[in-house]
Amino acid sequence: MASVLLIIHLLVTLALIVVVLLQRSEGGGLGIGSSGGMGAFMGGRGTANLLTRTTAILGTLFFVLSLALALINQGTRQPRSLLDSAPAAAPAPSLPPAPAVPTN
């Protein structure tokens, strides 16, 4: 399931890149500096554009697929620390007592 979603996610990503690059640059990000001001940015003509709607749909799909992949893979991650995965510490083996050294 995760593999299928990942492939769909990659295809949506590539489509989103292509659609964004196909859009004509209006200059002055978000319509700032145009004669209509911010009213022209959210006007009927700007939102009715096919590329704008396609970008919004692909962006939404990208967001939803990202969340779905994150939720699916949440339970499969490995422990982050060696201490989390280490078994309980066993008692250290005791060494036999050292033989007594005779003193002269």
N, C-alpha and C. Protein backbone atom coordinates (compact mmCIF):
# COMPACT_ATOMS: atom_id res chain seq x y z
N MET A 1 0.82 -1.19 0.00
CA MET A 1 0.00 0.00 0.00
C MET A 1 0.86 1.26 0.00
N ALA A 2 1.90 1.24 0.83
CA ALA A 2 2.77 2.42 0.91
C ALA A 2 3.52 2.63 -0.41
N SER A 3 3.88 1.53 -1.08
CA SER A 3 4.59 1.66 -2.35
C SER A 3 3.70 2.29 -3.42
N VAL A 4 2.45 1.90 -3.45
CA VAL A 4 1.51 2.47 -4.43
C VAL A 4 1.31 3.96 -4.15
N LEU A 5 1.12 4.30 -2.88
CA LEU A 5 0.94 5.71 -2.53
C LEU A 5 2.19 6.52 -2.84
N LEU A 6 3.35 5.93 -2.64
CA LEU A 6 4.60 6.64 -2.93
C LEU A 6 4.74 6.91 -4.43
N ILE A 7 4.37 5.95 -5.25
CA ILE A 7 4.45 6.15 -6.70
C ILE A 7 3.45 7.22 -7.14
N ILE A 8 2.23 7.19 -6.59
CA ILE A 8 1.25 8.22 -6.91
C ILE A 8 1.75 9.59 -6.43
N HIS A 9 2.38 9.62 -5.27
CA HIS A 9 2.92 10.87 -4.72
C HIS A 9 3.99 11.44 -5.65
N LEU A 10 4.85 10.59 -6.17
CA LEU A 10 5.89 11.06 -7.09
C LEU A 10 5.29 11.58 -8.39
N LEU A 11 4.26 10.91 -8.90
CA LEU A 11 3.61 11.38 -10.13
C LEU A 11 2.91 12.72 -9.91
N VAL A 12 2.25 12.87 -8.76
CA VAL A 12 1.61 14.15 -8.44
C VAL A 12 2.65 15.25 -8.31
N THR A 13 3.79 14.92 -7.71
CA THR A 13 4.86 15.90 -7.55
C THR A 13 5.38 16.37 -8.90
N LEU A 14 5.63 15.42 -9.80
CA LEU A 14 6.12 15.79 -11.14
C LEU A 14 5.08 16.61 -11.89
N ALA A 15 3.81 16.24 -11.79
CA ALA A 15 2.75 17.00 -12.45
C ALA A 15 2.66 18.41 -11.88
N LEU A 16 2.80 18.53 -10.57
CA LEU A 16 2.74 19.85 -9.94
C LEU A 16 3.89 20.73 -10.41
N ILE A 17 5.06 20.16 -10.54
CA ILE A 17 6.22 20.91 -11.03
C ILE A 17 5.97 21.41 -12.45
N VAL A 18 5.46 20.52 -13.30
CA VAL A 18 5.20 20.89 -14.69
C VAL A 18 4.14 21.98 -14.78
N VAL A 19 3.06 21.85 -14.02
CA VAL A 19 1.98 22.84 -14.08
C VAL A 19 2.45 24.20 -13.58
N VAL A 20 3.26 24.21 -12.53
CA VAL A 20 3.77 25.49 -12.02
C VAL A 20 4.70 26.14 -13.04
N LEU A 21 5.52 25.33 -13.70
CA LEU A 21 6.43 25.90 -14.69
C LEU A 21 5.71 26.37 -15.95
N LEU A 22 4.55 25.80 -16.24
CA LEU A 22 3.78 26.23 -17.41
C LEU A 22 3.08 27.56 -17.21
N GLN A 23 2.86 27.96 -15.99
CA GLN A 23 2.11 29.18 -15.73
C GLN A 23 2.91 30.40 -16.16
N ARG A 24 2.20 31.37 -16.69
CA ARG A 24 2.83 32.59 -17.15
C ARG A 24 3.10 33.49 -15.96
N SER A 25 4.29 34.01 -15.91
CA SER A 25 4.65 34.89 -14.81
C SER A 25 3.99 36.25 -15.01
N GLU A 26 3.26 36.69 -14.01
CA GLU A 26 2.60 37.99 -14.08
C GLU A 26 3.52 39.09 -13.57
N GLY A 27 4.62 38.73 -12.93
CA GLY A 27 5.52 39.72 -12.38
C GLY A 27 5.00 40.25 -11.06
N GLY A 28 5.88 40.56 -10.15
CA GLY A 28 5.46 41.07 -8.85
C GLY A 28 4.64 40.06 -8.11
N GLY A 29 5.27 39.20 -7.37
CA GLY A 29 4.64 38.07 -6.71
C GLY A 29 3.27 38.35 -6.13
N LEU A 30 2.34 37.47 -6.32
CA LEU A 30 0.97 37.50 -5.82
C LEU A 30 0.18 38.70 -6.32
N GLY A 31 0.57 39.22 -7.46
CA GLY A 31 -0.20 40.32 -8.04
C GLY A 31 0.11 41.67 -7.47
N ILE A 32 1.09 41.78 -6.59
CA ILE A 32 1.45 43.06 -5.99
C ILE A 32 2.12 43.92 -7.06
N GLY A 33 1.73 45.14 -7.14
CA GLY A 33 2.33 46.04 -8.11
C GLY A 33 1.49 46.16 -9.38
N SER A 34 0.45 45.38 -9.52
CA SER A 34 -0.40 45.50 -10.69
C SER A 34 -1.39 46.65 -10.45
N SER A 35 -2.05 47.07 -11.52
CA SER A 35 -2.95 48.22 -11.37
C SER A 35 -4.17 47.88 -10.54
N GLY A 36 -4.55 46.61 -10.48
CA GLY A 36 -5.73 46.23 -9.73
C GLY A 36 -5.48 45.99 -8.26
N GLY A 37 -4.24 45.92 -7.85
CA GLY A 37 -3.91 45.65 -6.46
C GLY A 37 -4.29 44.22 -6.07
N MET A 38 -4.61 44.00 -4.80
CA MET A 38 -4.96 42.67 -4.32
C MET A 38 -6.33 42.23 -4.81
N GLY A 39 -7.17 43.17 -5.22
CA GLY A 39 -8.48 42.79 -5.75
C GLY A 39 -8.36 41.99 -7.04
N ALA A 40 -7.37 42.31 -7.86
CA ALA A 40 -7.16 41.57 -9.11
C ALA A 40 -6.62 40.18 -8.85
N PHE A 41 -5.89 40.03 -7.76
CA PHE A 41 -5.32 38.71 -7.44
C PHE A 41 -6.42 37.70 -7.15
N MET A 42 -7.43 38.09 -6.41
CA MET A 42 -8.50 37.18 -6.05
C MET A 42 -9.74 37.39 -6.91
N GLY A 43 -9.60 38.05 -8.00
CA GLY A 43 -10.75 38.31 -8.87
C GLY A 43 -11.19 37.06 -9.61
N GLY A 44 -12.32 37.16 -10.31
CA GLY A 44 -12.88 36.03 -11.02
C GLY A 44 -11.99 35.53 -12.14
N ARG A 45 -11.34 36.44 -12.84
CA ARG A 45 -10.51 36.03 -13.97
C ARG A 45 -9.30 35.24 -13.51
N GLY A 46 -8.69 35.62 -12.35
CA GLY A 46 -7.49 34.93 -11.89
C GLY A 46 -7.78 33.53 -11.36
N THR A 47 -8.91 33.34 -10.70
CA THR A 47 -9.21 32.04 -10.13
C THR A 47 -9.84 31.09 -11.12
N ALA A 48 -10.34 31.59 -12.23
CA ALA A 48 -10.99 30.74 -13.22
C ALA A 48 -9.98 30.09 -14.15
N ASN A 49 -8.76 30.44 -14.05
CA ASN A 49 -7.73 29.92 -14.93
C ASN A 49 -7.56 28.42 -14.69
N LEU A 50 -7.48 27.66 -15.77
CA LEU A 50 -7.35 26.21 -15.68
C LEU A 50 -6.06 25.81 -14.96
N LEU A 51 -4.97 26.48 -15.25
CA LEU A 51 -3.70 26.12 -14.61
C LEU A 51 -3.73 26.43 -13.12
N THR A 52 -4.42 27.48 -12.73
CA THR A 52 -4.52 27.82 -11.31
C THR A 52 -5.31 26.76 -10.57
N ARG A 53 -6.42 26.34 -11.16
CA ARG A 53 -7.22 25.29 -10.52
C ARG A 53 -6.47 23.97 -10.47
N THR A 54 -5.77 23.66 -11.55
CA THR A 54 -4.99 22.42 -11.57
C THR A 54 -3.90 22.45 -10.51
N THR A 55 -3.27 23.60 -10.34
CA THR A 55 -2.25 23.74 -9.30
C THR A 55 -2.84 23.54 -7.91
N ALA A 56 -4.01 24.10 -7.68
CA ALA A 56 -4.65 23.94 -6.37
C ALA A 56 -5.02 22.49 -6.11
N ILE A 57 -5.54 21.81 -7.11
CA ILE A 57 -5.92 20.40 -6.94
C ILE A 57 -4.69 19.53 -6.70
N LEU A 58 -3.65 19.74 -7.50
CA LEU A 58 -2.43 18.95 -7.33
C LEU A 58 -1.74 19.26 -5.99
N GLY A 59 -1.79 20.51 -5.57
CA GLY A 59 -1.22 20.86 -4.26
C GLY A 59 -1.96 20.19 -3.13
N THR A 60 -3.29 20.14 -3.23
CA THR A 60 -4.09 19.46 -2.21
C THR A 60 -3.79 17.97 -2.19
N LEU A 61 -3.72 17.36 -3.38
CA LEU A 61 -3.36 15.93 -3.46
C LEU A 61 -1.99 15.67 -2.86
N PHE A 62 -1.04 16.55 -3.15
CA PHE A 62 0.31 16.40 -2.61
C PHE A 62 0.28 16.42 -1.08
N PHE A 63 -0.48 17.35 -0.52
CA PHE A 63 -0.58 17.48 0.94
C PHE A 63 -1.23 16.24 1.55
N VAL A 64 -2.34 15.79 0.97
CA VAL A 64 -3.06 14.63 1.49
C VAL A 64 -2.20 13.37 1.39
N LEU A 65 -1.53 13.18 0.27
CA LEU A 65 -0.67 12.00 0.11
C LEU A 65 0.51 12.04 1.07
N SER A 66 1.05 13.22 1.32
CA SER A 66 2.15 13.34 2.28
C SER A 66 1.71 12.92 3.68
N LEU A 67 0.53 13.39 4.09
CA LEU A 67 0.00 13.00 5.39
C LEU A 67 -0.29 11.50 5.46
N ALA A 68 -0.86 10.95 4.39
CA ALA A 68 -1.18 9.52 4.38
C ALA A 68 0.09 8.68 4.48
N LEU A 69 1.12 9.05 3.74
CA LEU A 69 2.39 8.31 3.82
C LEU A 69 3.02 8.42 5.20
N ALA A 70 2.92 9.59 5.81
CA ALA A 70 3.48 9.76 7.15
C ALA A 70 2.73 8.90 8.16
N LEU A 71 1.41 8.83 8.05
CA LEU A 71 0.63 8.03 8.99
C LEU A 71 0.84 6.53 8.77
N ILE A 72 0.97 6.11 7.52
CA ILE A 72 1.18 4.69 7.24
C ILE A 72 2.54 4.23 7.76
N ASN A 73 3.55 5.05 7.56
CA ASN A 73 4.92 4.66 7.95
C ASN A 73 5.24 4.98 9.40
N GLN A 74 4.30 5.49 10.14
CA GLN A 74 4.55 5.86 11.54
C GLN A 74 4.87 4.64 12.39
N GLY A 75 4.22 3.52 12.18
CA GLY A 75 4.43 2.35 13.01
C GLY A 75 5.60 1.49 12.59
N THR A 76 6.22 1.79 11.46
CA THR A 76 7.30 0.94 10.96
C THR A 76 8.69 1.49 11.22
N ARG A 77 8.77 2.60 11.91
CA ARG A 77 10.11 3.17 12.12
C ARG A 77 10.85 2.41 13.21
N GLN A 78 12.15 2.43 13.12
CA GLN A 78 13.02 1.73 14.05
C GLN A 78 13.28 2.61 15.27
N PRO A 79 13.67 1.99 16.38
CA PRO A 79 14.02 2.80 17.55
C PRO A 79 15.16 3.76 17.21
N ARG A 80 15.13 4.93 17.80
CA ARG A 80 16.11 5.95 17.48
C ARG A 80 17.40 5.79 18.27
N SER A 81 17.37 5.09 19.37
CA SER A 81 18.54 5.01 20.22
C SER A 81 18.91 3.55 20.44
N LEU A 82 20.16 3.30 20.60
CA LEU A 82 20.60 1.94 20.92
C LEU A 82 20.11 1.52 22.30
N LEU A 83 19.94 2.49 23.18
CA LEU A 83 19.48 2.16 24.52
C LEU A 83 18.03 1.71 24.51
N ASP A 84 17.24 2.22 23.54
CA ASP A 84 15.84 1.81 23.45
C ASP A 84 15.70 0.36 23.02
N SER A 85 16.62 -0.11 22.18
CA SER A 85 16.49 -1.46 21.64
C SER A 85 17.37 -2.47 22.38
N ALA A 86 18.20 -2.03 23.32
CA ALA A 86 19.10 -2.94 24.04
C ALA A 86 18.29 -3.77 25.04
N PRO A 87 18.62 -5.07 25.15
CA PRO A 87 17.93 -5.88 26.16
C PRO A 87 18.34 -5.46 27.56
N ALA A 88 17.60 -5.93 28.53
CA ALA A 88 17.90 -5.59 29.92
C ALA A 88 19.31 -6.06 30.26
N ALA A 89 20.01 -5.25 31.01
CA ALA A 89 21.40 -5.55 31.33
C ALA A 89 21.48 -6.80 32.22
N ALA A 90 22.31 -7.73 31.80
CA ALA A 90 22.53 -8.95 32.59
C ALA A 90 23.62 -8.66 33.62
N PRO A 91 23.59 -9.34 34.73
CA PRO A 91 24.66 -9.11 35.71
C PRO A 91 26.01 -9.51 35.12
N ALA A 92 27.00 -8.72 35.47
CA ALA A 92 28.35 -8.99 34.96
C ALA A 92 28.88 -10.28 35.59
N PRO A 93 29.55 -11.11 34.78
CA PRO A 93 30.09 -12.35 35.35
C PRO A 93 31.18 -12.02 36.37
N SER A 94 31.14 -12.73 37.48
CA SER A 94 32.14 -12.46 38.51
C SER A 94 33.41 -13.26 38.19
N LEU A 95 34.52 -12.61 38.43
CA LEU A 95 35.81 -13.25 38.20
C LEU A 95 36.19 -14.06 39.44
N PRO A 96 36.88 -15.18 39.23
CA PRO A 96 37.34 -15.93 40.40
C PRO A 96 38.36 -15.10 41.17
N PRO A 97 38.44 -15.31 42.47
CA PRO A 97 39.41 -14.52 43.26
C PRO A 97 40.83 -14.82 42.81
N ALA A 98 41.64 -13.78 42.84
CA ALA A 98 43.04 -13.95 42.46
C ALA A 98 43.78 -14.78 43.50
N PRO A 99 44.70 -15.63 43.04
CA PRO A 99 45.45 -16.44 44.01
C PRO A 99 46.34 -15.54 44.90
N ALA A 100 46.47 -15.95 46.12
CA ALA A 100 47.28 -15.19 47.06
C ALA A 100 48.76 -15.29 46.65
N VAL A 101 49.40 -14.16 46.66
CA VAL A 101 50.82 -14.14 46.31
C VAL A 101 51.63 -14.18 47.61
N PRO A 102 52.50 -15.20 47.76
CA PRO A 102 53.29 -15.25 48.98
C PRO A 102 54.28 -14.10 49.07
N THR A 103 54.42 -13.51 50.20
CA THR A 103 55.38 -12.44 50.38
C THR A 103 56.60 -12.97 51.14
N ASN A 104 57.74 -12.56 50.82
CA ASN A 104 58.97 -13.02 51.45
C ASN A 104 59.38 -12.17 52.59
